[in-house]
N, C-alpha and C. Protein backbone atom coordinates (compact mmCIF):
# COMPACT_ATOMS: atom_id res chain seq x y z
N MET A 1 0.90 -0.86 -0.08
CA MET A 1 0.14 0.11 0.19
C MET A 1 0.76 1.09 0.36
N LEU A 2 0.82 2.05 -0.54
CA LEU A 2 1.62 3.45 -0.77
C LEU A 2 0.16 4.64 -0.73
N VAL A 3 0.86 5.61 -0.40
CA VAL A 3 0.08 7.31 -0.98
C VAL A 3 0.94 8.07 -1.33
N ALA A 4 0.42 8.56 -2.43
CA ALA A 4 0.97 9.49 -3.55
C ALA A 4 0.31 10.64 -3.11
N CYS A 5 1.41 11.95 -3.42
CA CYS A 5 0.98 13.36 -3.20
C CYS A 5 1.43 14.26 -4.13
N ASP A 6 0.06 15.28 -4.58
CA ASP A 6 0.68 16.26 -5.57
C ASP A 6 1.02 17.45 -4.40
N PRO A 7 2.03 17.91 -4.24
CA PRO A 7 1.76 18.98 -3.18
C PRO A 7 1.27 20.02 -3.64
N GLY A 8 1.09 20.93 -2.59
CA GLY A 8 0.51 22.38 -2.90
C GLY A 8 -0.82 22.72 -2.44
N LEU A 9 -1.28 24.14 -2.50
CA LEU A 9 -2.33 24.24 -1.83
C LEU A 9 -3.71 23.94 -2.62
N THR A 10 -3.80 23.28 -3.98
CA THR A 10 -5.07 22.41 -4.51
C THR A 10 -4.41 21.46 -4.62
N GLY A 11 -3.46 20.78 -4.04
CA GLY A 11 -3.02 19.15 -4.26
C GLY A 11 -3.64 18.50 -3.65
N ALA A 12 -3.35 16.94 -3.85
CA ALA A 12 -4.16 16.23 -3.06
C ALA A 12 -3.49 14.89 -2.73
N PHE A 13 -3.40 13.97 -1.54
CA PHE A 13 -3.04 13.22 -1.40
C PHE A 13 -3.85 11.41 -1.68
N ALA A 14 -3.22 10.64 -2.45
CA ALA A 14 -4.47 9.68 -2.96
C ALA A 14 -3.45 7.86 -2.35
N LEU A 15 -4.48 7.73 -2.08
CA LEU A 15 -4.33 6.03 -1.02
C LEU A 15 -4.42 4.93 -1.96
N ARG A 16 -3.35 4.36 -2.40
CA ARG A 16 -3.63 3.14 -3.38
C ARG A 16 -3.23 2.04 -2.37
N VAL A 17 -4.84 1.44 -2.38
CA VAL A 17 -4.61 0.23 -1.37
C VAL A 17 -4.19 -0.94 -2.40
N SER A 18 -4.92 -0.99 -3.49
CA SER A 18 -4.65 -2.18 -4.33
C SER A 18 -5.19 -1.43 -5.80
N ASP A 19 -5.08 -2.46 -6.91
CA ASP A 19 -5.34 -1.55 -8.24
C ASP A 19 -7.06 -1.34 -7.90
N ASP A 20 -7.68 -1.83 -7.40
CA ASP A 20 -8.97 -1.81 -7.24
C ASP A 20 -9.66 -0.77 -6.22
N THR A 21 -8.62 -0.36 -5.39
CA THR A 21 -9.05 0.27 -4.31
C THR A 21 -7.81 1.84 -4.43
N LEU A 22 -8.37 2.64 -4.40
CA LEU A 22 -7.74 4.11 -4.33
C LEU A 22 -8.85 5.13 -3.92
N GLN A 23 -8.36 5.76 -2.41
CA GLN A 23 -9.40 6.74 -2.26
C GLN A 23 -8.06 8.27 -2.19
N VAL A 24 -8.94 9.28 -2.52
CA VAL A 24 -7.91 10.49 -2.42
C VAL A 24 -8.67 11.64 -1.58
N PHE A 25 -7.65 12.25 -1.17
CA PHE A 25 -7.94 13.37 0.02
C PHE A 25 -7.58 14.81 -0.67
N ASP A 26 -8.23 15.97 -0.39
CA ASP A 26 -7.66 17.10 -0.66
C ASP A 26 -6.62 17.25 0.51
N MET A 27 -5.86 18.23 -0.15
CA MET A 27 -4.54 18.81 0.91
C MET A 27 -5.86 19.53 1.97
N PRO A 28 -5.31 19.42 3.38
CA PRO A 28 -6.11 20.09 4.35
C PRO A 28 -5.38 21.29 4.23
N THR A 29 -6.24 22.32 4.21
CA THR A 29 -5.82 24.15 4.15
C THR A 29 -6.42 24.50 5.40
N TYR A 30 -6.41 25.72 5.79
CA TYR A 30 -7.43 26.87 6.61
C TYR A 30 -6.53 27.90 6.05
N ILE A 31 -7.71 29.22 6.42
CA ILE A 31 -7.47 30.67 5.71
C ILE A 31 -6.88 31.16 7.29
N ARG A 32 -6.05 31.98 6.59
CA ARG A 32 -5.67 32.67 7.59
C ARG A 32 -4.94 34.19 7.25
N MET A 33 -5.16 35.37 8.31
CA MET A 33 -5.39 36.75 7.62
C MET A 33 -3.65 37.26 7.68
N VAL A 34 -3.38 37.64 6.50
CA VAL A 34 -2.26 38.19 6.18
C VAL A 34 -2.58 39.74 6.15
N GLY A 35 -2.50 40.87 6.88
CA GLY A 35 -2.88 42.14 6.97
C GLY A 35 -4.13 41.59 6.75
N LYS A 36 -4.79 42.64 5.96
CA LYS A 36 -5.80 42.63 5.53
C LYS A 36 -6.53 41.40 4.55
N ALA A 37 -5.95 40.86 3.61
CA ALA A 37 -5.97 39.88 3.36
C ALA A 37 -6.03 38.22 3.25
N LYS A 38 -7.30 37.56 3.25
CA LYS A 38 -7.08 36.37 3.98
C LYS A 38 -6.47 35.32 2.75
N ARG A 39 -5.41 34.40 3.31
CA ARG A 39 -4.77 33.55 2.27
C ARG A 39 -5.00 32.05 2.11
N PRO A 40 -5.23 31.08 1.60
CA PRO A 40 -5.33 29.54 2.14
C PRO A 40 -3.57 29.19 2.21
N THR A 41 -3.52 28.68 3.54
CA THR A 41 -2.18 27.90 4.20
C THR A 41 -2.35 26.41 3.86
N ILE A 42 -1.45 25.47 3.49
CA ILE A 42 -1.75 23.92 4.49
C ILE A 42 -1.66 24.03 5.74
N ASP A 43 -2.60 23.39 6.13
CA ASP A 43 -2.58 23.18 7.72
C ASP A 43 -1.71 21.52 7.84
N ASP A 44 -0.59 22.15 8.66
CA ASP A 44 0.38 21.16 8.82
C ASP A 44 0.22 20.23 9.83
N GLU A 45 -0.58 20.39 10.99
CA GLU A 45 -0.80 19.30 11.89
C GLU A 45 -2.45 18.43 11.11
N ALA A 46 -3.12 19.23 10.50
CA ALA A 46 -3.71 18.13 9.66
C ALA A 46 -3.00 17.41 8.68
N VAL A 47 -2.05 17.92 8.26
CA VAL A 47 -1.12 16.73 7.40
C VAL A 47 -0.43 15.54 7.93
N ILE A 48 -0.24 16.08 9.33
CA ILE A 48 0.97 15.12 9.45
C ILE A 48 -0.03 14.25 10.29
N GLU A 49 -1.33 14.68 10.54
CA GLU A 49 -2.54 13.73 11.17
C GLU A 49 -3.18 12.84 9.98
N LEU A 50 -3.05 13.55 8.76
CA LEU A 50 -3.65 12.57 7.67
C LEU A 50 -1.98 11.87 6.91
N VAL A 51 -1.12 12.30 7.23
CA VAL A 51 -0.20 10.97 6.74
C VAL A 51 -0.09 10.06 7.74
N ARG A 52 0.18 10.38 8.94
CA ARG A 52 -0.17 9.10 10.35
C ARG A 52 -0.82 8.15 10.19
N GLY A 53 -2.18 8.75 9.81
CA GLY A 53 -3.10 7.51 9.51
C GLY A 53 -3.08 6.76 8.36
N PHE A 54 -2.62 7.11 7.54
CA PHE A 54 -2.23 6.09 5.95
C PHE A 54 -0.86 5.24 6.53
N ALA A 55 -0.15 5.67 7.72
CA ALA A 55 0.73 4.42 7.99
C ALA A 55 -0.06 3.52 9.06
N VAL A 56 -0.86 4.27 9.82
CA VAL A 56 -1.55 3.12 10.64
C VAL A 56 -2.07 2.06 9.61
N MET A 57 -2.64 2.48 8.31
CA MET A 57 -3.62 1.96 8.00
C MET A 57 -2.84 0.82 7.14
N GLY A 58 -1.64 1.03 7.03
CA GLY A 58 -0.74 0.22 6.38
C GLY A 58 0.20 0.36 4.81
N ALA A 59 0.23 1.93 4.74
CA ALA A 59 0.52 2.44 3.84
C ALA A 59 2.30 2.45 4.22
N THR A 60 2.97 1.86 3.07
CA THR A 60 4.52 2.13 3.42
C THR A 60 5.92 2.93 2.72
N HIS A 61 5.01 3.25 1.47
CA HIS A 61 5.57 4.27 0.73
C HIS A 61 5.00 5.37 0.77
N LEU A 62 5.30 6.96 0.53
CA LEU A 62 4.95 7.98 0.19
C LEU A 62 5.78 8.30 -1.32
N VAL A 63 4.94 8.59 -2.64
CA VAL A 63 5.57 9.06 -3.56
C VAL A 63 5.18 10.68 -3.55
N ILE A 64 6.02 11.31 -3.92
CA ILE A 64 5.80 12.68 -3.96
C ILE A 64 6.17 13.38 -5.43
N GLU A 65 5.62 14.43 -5.72
CA GLU A 65 6.15 15.01 -6.74
C GLU A 65 7.01 15.67 -6.26
N LYS A 66 8.44 16.03 -6.90
CA LYS A 66 9.96 16.78 -6.50
C LYS A 66 9.55 18.19 -7.01
N VAL A 67 9.34 19.21 -6.16
CA VAL A 67 9.38 20.66 -6.33
C VAL A 67 10.02 21.71 -6.20
N GLN A 68 9.51 22.46 -7.06
CA GLN A 68 10.48 23.97 -6.80
C GLN A 68 10.22 25.23 -7.38
N GLY A 69 10.88 26.33 -7.20
CA GLY A 69 9.93 27.90 -7.13
C GLY A 69 9.61 27.63 -8.65
N LEU A 70 8.50 28.27 -8.89
CA LEU A 70 8.09 28.48 -10.38
C LEU A 70 8.64 29.66 -10.83
N PRO A 71 8.70 30.03 -12.24
CA PRO A 71 9.13 31.27 -13.09
C PRO A 71 7.99 32.75 -12.27
N ARG A 72 8.74 33.46 -12.05
CA ARG A 72 7.91 34.80 -11.49
C ARG A 72 7.27 34.56 -10.36
N GLN A 73 7.36 33.90 -9.52
CA GLN A 73 6.95 33.50 -8.37
C GLN A 73 7.30 34.32 -7.03
N SER A 74 6.34 34.74 -6.33
CA SER A 74 6.78 35.80 -5.30
C SER A 74 7.90 34.82 -4.51
N ALA A 75 8.42 35.78 -3.84
CA ALA A 75 9.43 34.83 -2.71
C ALA A 75 8.27 34.29 -1.70
N PRO A 76 7.11 34.88 -0.87
CA PRO A 76 6.31 34.45 -0.16
C PRO A 76 5.77 33.14 -0.66
N ALA A 77 5.17 33.31 -1.62
CA ALA A 77 4.62 32.26 -2.70
C ALA A 77 5.31 31.02 -2.63
N ALA A 78 6.73 31.27 -2.97
CA ALA A 78 7.81 30.33 -2.98
C ALA A 78 8.35 29.70 -1.70
N PHE A 79 8.15 30.02 -0.68
CA PHE A 79 8.10 30.37 0.93
C PHE A 79 7.31 29.01 1.06
N SER A 80 5.93 29.53 0.88
CA SER A 80 4.96 29.27 1.32
C SER A 80 4.74 27.70 0.51
N PHE A 81 4.65 27.21 -0.67
CA PHE A 81 4.63 26.16 -1.60
C PHE A 81 5.94 25.50 -0.74
N GLY A 82 7.36 25.74 -0.70
CA GLY A 82 8.64 24.65 -0.22
C GLY A 82 8.09 24.45 1.34
N TYR A 83 7.43 25.10 2.25
CA TYR A 83 6.94 24.99 3.53
C TYR A 83 6.40 23.47 3.44
N GLY A 84 5.06 23.56 2.52
CA GLY A 84 4.09 22.57 2.48
C GLY A 84 4.87 21.24 1.90
N TYR A 85 5.87 21.51 1.43
CA TYR A 85 6.69 20.38 0.58
C TYR A 85 7.26 19.73 1.94
N ALA A 86 7.98 20.65 2.92
CA ALA A 86 8.66 19.97 3.77
C ALA A 86 8.05 19.55 4.91
N VAL A 87 6.80 19.65 5.13
CA VAL A 87 5.98 19.34 5.94
C VAL A 87 5.33 17.81 5.68
N ILE A 88 4.75 17.65 4.37
CA ILE A 88 4.56 16.63 3.69
C ILE A 88 5.44 15.52 3.88
N LEU A 89 6.90 15.94 3.52
CA LEU A 89 8.04 14.99 3.77
C LEU A 89 8.28 14.70 5.03
N THR A 90 8.09 15.87 6.00
CA THR A 90 8.59 15.46 7.45
C THR A 90 7.62 14.34 7.94
N ALA A 91 6.47 14.78 7.43
CA ALA A 91 4.99 13.82 8.41
C ALA A 91 5.57 12.33 7.79
N ALA A 92 5.85 12.06 6.60
CA ALA A 92 6.23 10.99 5.85
C ALA A 92 7.19 10.50 6.81
N ARG A 93 8.10 11.05 6.72
CA ARG A 93 9.41 10.55 7.59
C ARG A 93 8.79 10.23 8.87
N MET A 94 8.42 10.95 9.59
CA MET A 94 7.86 10.76 11.42
C MET A 94 6.96 9.30 11.59
N SER A 95 6.32 9.14 9.99
CA SER A 95 5.37 7.98 10.08
C SER A 95 5.96 6.53 9.53
N GLY A 96 7.33 6.86 9.48
CA GLY A 96 8.18 5.60 8.95
C GLY A 96 7.53 5.30 7.81
N LEU A 97 7.44 5.86 7.12
CA LEU A 97 7.36 5.50 5.47
C LEU A 97 8.52 5.76 4.69
N ALA A 98 8.71 5.10 3.63
CA ALA A 98 9.61 5.52 2.89
C ALA A 98 9.33 6.45 1.93
N VAL A 99 10.21 7.00 1.54
CA VAL A 99 9.62 8.51 0.49
C VAL A 99 10.41 8.16 -0.73
N GLU A 100 9.98 8.56 -1.86
CA GLU A 100 10.22 8.23 -3.01
C GLU A 100 9.68 9.90 -3.93
N THR A 101 10.58 10.73 -4.11
CA THR A 101 10.58 12.20 -5.00
C THR A 101 10.62 11.67 -6.54
N VAL A 102 10.04 12.36 -7.35
CA VAL A 102 10.32 12.28 -8.67
C VAL A 102 10.08 13.62 -9.25
N ALA A 103 10.33 13.95 -10.39
CA ALA A 103 10.14 15.35 -10.97
C ALA A 103 8.48 14.87 -11.90
N PRO A 104 8.24 16.19 -11.60
CA PRO A 104 7.05 16.25 -12.36
C PRO A 104 6.97 15.61 -14.10
N ALA A 105 8.43 16.30 -14.87
CA ALA A 105 8.99 15.21 -16.08
C ALA A 105 8.95 13.98 -16.22
N GLN A 106 9.34 13.23 -15.17
CA GLN A 106 9.70 12.04 -15.20
C GLN A 106 8.20 10.99 -14.84
N TRP A 107 7.75 11.13 -14.05
CA TRP A 107 6.31 10.83 -13.84
C TRP A 107 5.42 10.74 -15.16
N LYS A 108 5.79 12.40 -15.58
CA LYS A 108 4.09 12.53 -16.64
C LYS A 108 4.68 11.96 -17.95
N GLN A 109 6.00 12.71 -18.37
CA GLN A 109 6.68 10.85 -19.38
C GLN A 109 6.05 9.93 -19.71
N ALA A 110 6.36 9.73 -18.45
CA ALA A 110 6.53 7.73 -18.13
C ALA A 110 4.92 7.30 -18.36
N LEU A 111 3.64 8.26 -17.84
CA LEU A 111 2.58 7.89 -18.44
C LEU A 111 1.84 8.92 -19.62
N ARG A 112 2.68 9.52 -20.19
CA ARG A 112 2.22 10.53 -21.00
C ARG A 112 0.95 11.46 -20.68
N VAL A 113 0.98 12.20 -19.94
CA VAL A 113 0.70 12.82 -19.19
C VAL A 113 0.99 14.69 -19.50
N PRO A 114 -0.43 15.10 -19.98
CA PRO A 114 0.24 16.42 -20.77
C PRO A 114 -0.01 17.62 -19.77
N ALA A 115 0.57 18.64 -19.91
CA ALA A 115 0.91 19.46 -18.66
C ALA A 115 -0.70 20.02 -18.68
N ASP A 116 -1.48 20.55 -19.42
CA ASP A 116 -2.46 21.28 -19.09
C ASP A 116 -3.52 20.20 -18.33
N LYS A 117 -3.66 21.09 -17.66
CA LYS A 117 -4.67 20.58 -15.76
C LYS A 117 -5.93 19.63 -16.50
N LYS A 118 -6.55 20.26 -17.69
CA LYS A 118 -8.01 19.73 -18.29
C LYS A 118 -7.58 18.45 -18.68
N GLN A 119 -6.72 18.36 -19.30
CA GLN A 119 -6.47 17.11 -20.45
C GLN A 119 -5.95 16.19 -19.06
N SER A 120 -5.23 16.58 -18.15
CA SER A 120 -4.54 15.84 -17.55
C SER A 120 -5.58 15.37 -16.28
N ARG A 121 -6.56 15.52 -16.30
CA ARG A 121 -7.62 14.77 -15.22
C ARG A 121 -8.02 13.71 -16.85
N ALA A 122 -8.22 14.14 -17.89
CA ALA A 122 -8.91 13.35 -19.28
C ALA A 122 -8.02 12.34 -19.00
N ARG A 123 -6.72 12.36 -19.08
CA ARG A 123 -5.72 11.24 -18.87
C ARG A 123 -5.55 10.32 -17.72
N ALA A 124 -6.17 10.95 -16.75
CA ALA A 124 -6.28 10.30 -15.52
C ALA A 124 -7.51 9.45 -15.56
N ALA A 125 -8.51 9.78 -16.05
CA ALA A 125 -9.48 8.96 -16.40
C ALA A 125 -9.37 7.91 -17.28
N ASP A 126 -8.54 8.19 -18.36
CA ASP A 126 -7.80 7.02 -19.63
C ASP A 126 -7.24 5.94 -18.89
N LEU A 127 -6.69 6.59 -17.80
CA LEU A 127 -5.31 5.63 -16.84
C LEU A 127 -6.09 4.81 -15.87
N LEU A 128 -7.30 5.40 -15.29
CA LEU A 128 -7.77 4.96 -13.98
C LEU A 128 -9.50 5.25 -14.09
N PRO A 129 -9.90 4.34 -15.42
CA PRO A 129 -11.02 4.66 -15.36
C PRO A 129 -12.38 4.13 -14.15
N ALA A 130 -12.06 3.17 -13.51
CA ALA A 130 -13.07 2.78 -12.41
C ALA A 130 -12.96 4.11 -11.34
N HIS A 131 -11.94 4.74 -11.57
CA HIS A 131 -11.80 6.16 -10.58
C HIS A 131 -11.92 7.35 -11.24
N LYS A 132 -12.46 7.56 -11.99
CA LYS A 132 -12.53 9.11 -12.83
C LYS A 132 -13.73 9.75 -12.05
N HIS A 133 -14.44 9.13 -10.98
CA HIS A 133 -15.64 10.05 -10.27
C HIS A 133 -14.97 10.74 -9.25
N LEU A 134 -13.77 10.35 -8.92
CA LEU A 134 -12.85 10.91 -7.78
C LEU A 134 -12.50 12.67 -8.27
N TRP A 135 -12.28 13.02 -9.46
CA TRP A 135 -11.80 14.13 -10.12
C TRP A 135 -12.86 14.74 -10.97
N PRO A 136 -13.96 14.79 -10.55
CA PRO A 136 -15.33 15.22 -11.68
C PRO A 136 -15.23 17.11 -12.26
N LEU A 137 -14.53 17.69 -11.53
CA LEU A 137 -14.67 19.22 -11.45
C LEU A 137 -13.08 19.34 -11.89
N ALA A 138 -12.87 20.67 -12.55
CA ALA A 138 -11.74 21.10 -13.12
C ALA A 138 -10.73 21.58 -11.75
N LYS A 139 -11.20 21.89 -10.55
CA LYS A 139 -10.77 22.10 -9.21
C LYS A 139 -10.02 20.87 -8.50
N HIS A 140 -10.34 19.43 -9.56
CA HIS A 140 -9.72 18.66 -8.66
C HIS A 140 -8.78 17.87 -9.30
N ASP A 141 -8.08 18.86 -10.12
CA ASP A 141 -6.68 18.41 -10.64
C ASP A 141 -5.54 18.06 -10.01
N GLY A 142 -5.32 18.60 -8.49
CA GLY A 142 -4.31 18.11 -7.75
C GLY A 142 -4.85 16.27 -8.09
N ARG A 143 -6.39 15.95 -7.31
CA ARG A 143 -6.59 14.83 -7.13
C ARG A 143 -6.42 13.47 -8.09
N ALA A 144 -6.39 13.96 -9.59
CA ALA A 144 -5.79 13.28 -10.70
C ALA A 144 -4.84 13.16 -10.61
N GLU A 145 -4.02 14.52 -10.30
CA GLU A 145 -2.62 13.94 -10.46
C GLU A 145 -1.81 13.21 -9.40
N ALA A 146 -2.46 13.42 -8.15
CA ALA A 146 -2.17 12.38 -6.96
C ALA A 146 -2.50 11.02 -7.35
N ALA A 147 -3.59 10.69 -7.78
CA ALA A 147 -4.01 8.86 -8.40
C ALA A 147 -2.84 8.93 -9.46
N MET A 148 -2.65 9.32 -10.26
CA MET A 148 -1.52 9.44 -11.49
C MET A 148 -0.56 8.64 -10.68
N LEU A 149 0.20 9.85 -9.84
CA LEU A 149 1.39 9.70 -9.00
C LEU A 149 1.27 7.93 -8.31
N SER A 150 0.30 7.90 -8.16
CA SER A 150 0.03 6.52 -7.57
C SER A 150 -0.02 5.37 -8.14
N LEU A 151 -0.17 5.60 -9.32
CA LEU A 151 0.09 4.53 -10.66
C LEU A 151 1.69 4.51 -11.07
N TRP A 152 2.09 5.76 -11.16
CA TRP A 152 3.67 5.50 -11.31
C TRP A 152 4.05 4.92 -10.24
N GLY A 153 3.88 5.22 -9.08
CA GLY A 153 4.84 4.90 -7.94
C GLY A 153 4.80 3.18 -7.87
N ALA A 154 3.44 3.00 -8.02
CA ALA A 154 2.69 1.54 -7.70
C ALA A 154 3.88 0.43 -8.90
N ASN A 155 3.54 1.03 -10.32
CA ASN A 155 4.84 0.64 -11.30
C ASN A 155 6.06 0.42 -11.14
N THR A 156 6.64 1.55 -10.36
CA THR A 156 7.98 1.90 -10.26
C THR A 156 8.97 0.80 -9.13
N LEU A 157 7.96 1.03 -8.08
CA LEU A 157 8.17 -0.29 -6.65
C LEU A 157 8.16 -1.20 -7.14
N ALA A 158 7.27 -1.88 -8.15
CA ALA A 158 6.68 -3.06 -8.20
C ALA A 158 8.18 -3.62 -9.14
N LYS A 159 8.73 -2.96 -10.23
CA LYS A 159 9.66 -3.17 -11.15
C LYS A 159 10.90 -3.38 -10.01
N ARG A 160 11.09 -2.73 -8.93
CA ARG A 160 11.84 -2.49 -8.04
C ARG A 160 11.95 -3.75 -6.89
N GLY A 161 10.53 -4.12 -7.00
CA GLY A 161 10.15 -5.28 -5.69
C GLY A 161 10.27 -4.43 -4.54
N GLY A 162 9.98 -3.25 -4.66
CA GLY A 162 9.26 -2.64 -3.23
C GLY A 162 7.45 -2.90 -3.62
N ALA A 163 7.15 -1.92 -2.63
CA ALA A 163 5.73 -2.03 -2.02
C ALA A 163 4.75 -3.27 -2.99
């Protein structure tokens, strides 16, 4: 059993129990005030509890998209993104999960996933037709990508004799 994560505010976790059983969980967030503005923020405590729960259920590996700052991304946004990524990695390691990081280009090339988010959801439906009901809306692209990461992870670990 493994869990995959598309990190970021609109990301998600996909718990792959078997080829037939897949559950998705939106990234836990909350709204905080920054000056007079409301900003969504990854809920680090909820992420830790969620990942801990995956380990208790029997997950042994976390597959996570290896991220980096984006061009023209503000310093505060890049810091926030990196902080969320670090929380997820730390939660996995604290929970005893083996961590597999993979560059977006690597797993997307292997599964022939386009960069466009709408097309990415369609590709997820092609690859995982029994689970396409888990990402019905445009805003669910993180769910679809986490699900595909779980497929990539299962295939990769099986080739290595892992999970």
